[in-house]
């Protein structure tokens, strides 16, 4: 019998590749997706993607979506409490494993494992210690499609935000940037690939700069206007 697994879901490429690995496994069955959403913005935390597109991702993946709402200025204590409340529901349903798309950050892995251990749960890392360059290429070769939604300007030029995550993107990355953005250099939104029933439709909106550091490319459903903009940027840049 396959072990039932809850997939930690950011909407990005590493989470999608981890899900792909689990789908191909004979040992695990992914039962649902779990995503942290910033309540004030109604967007995926860190990635800045609107909840409506997150929900369409889950629909096209054919998996239930569970969200943990946190405040924009959340503390670690608040995050732990809210995550514990959500995870307890899954424990009560008989699920004791959570899968993550982390690759090599030991401190992040330890944090996740310690938090889950307090609930008698354990973590699964399908991509752990795989070569980042190999992973990024295998993502593209498998037929996944993603767009870069956030760039940390301390690591990478803002010109990379809004670009497709493809071989051209990889070839243009500076050597100091991890090909998977594992150090937080960039984040992405996956809209198609082998784990999807159909592609998630979207269109690009404005590019904004927050906190004089993070560039975000807003993504919208095809028919939605930008009047519901809630990123509250410090600077609005032209659409790319």
Foldseek 3Di string as FASTA:
>chain_A
DAAEEEEADQQFLLSVVQVVLQVPDPRYDYAAYEFEAAVQQCAGPLLRAHVVLVVVQCVQLVHHYDYQYAHPPGDPVVVLVSVVVVVVVVVVVVHQEYEYSAEEDPVVQVVVQVSSVVVNHGYHHSRYPPQQVVSLQVSVVQPWKKAWFKAFVVQDDLVRHRHISDPVSQVPHDPVARSRNNVVGTTIHIFDGDSGNDGRAWDWDWWAAAPVTMIGTYIGHPPDDCPSPRPPGPGIDGTD
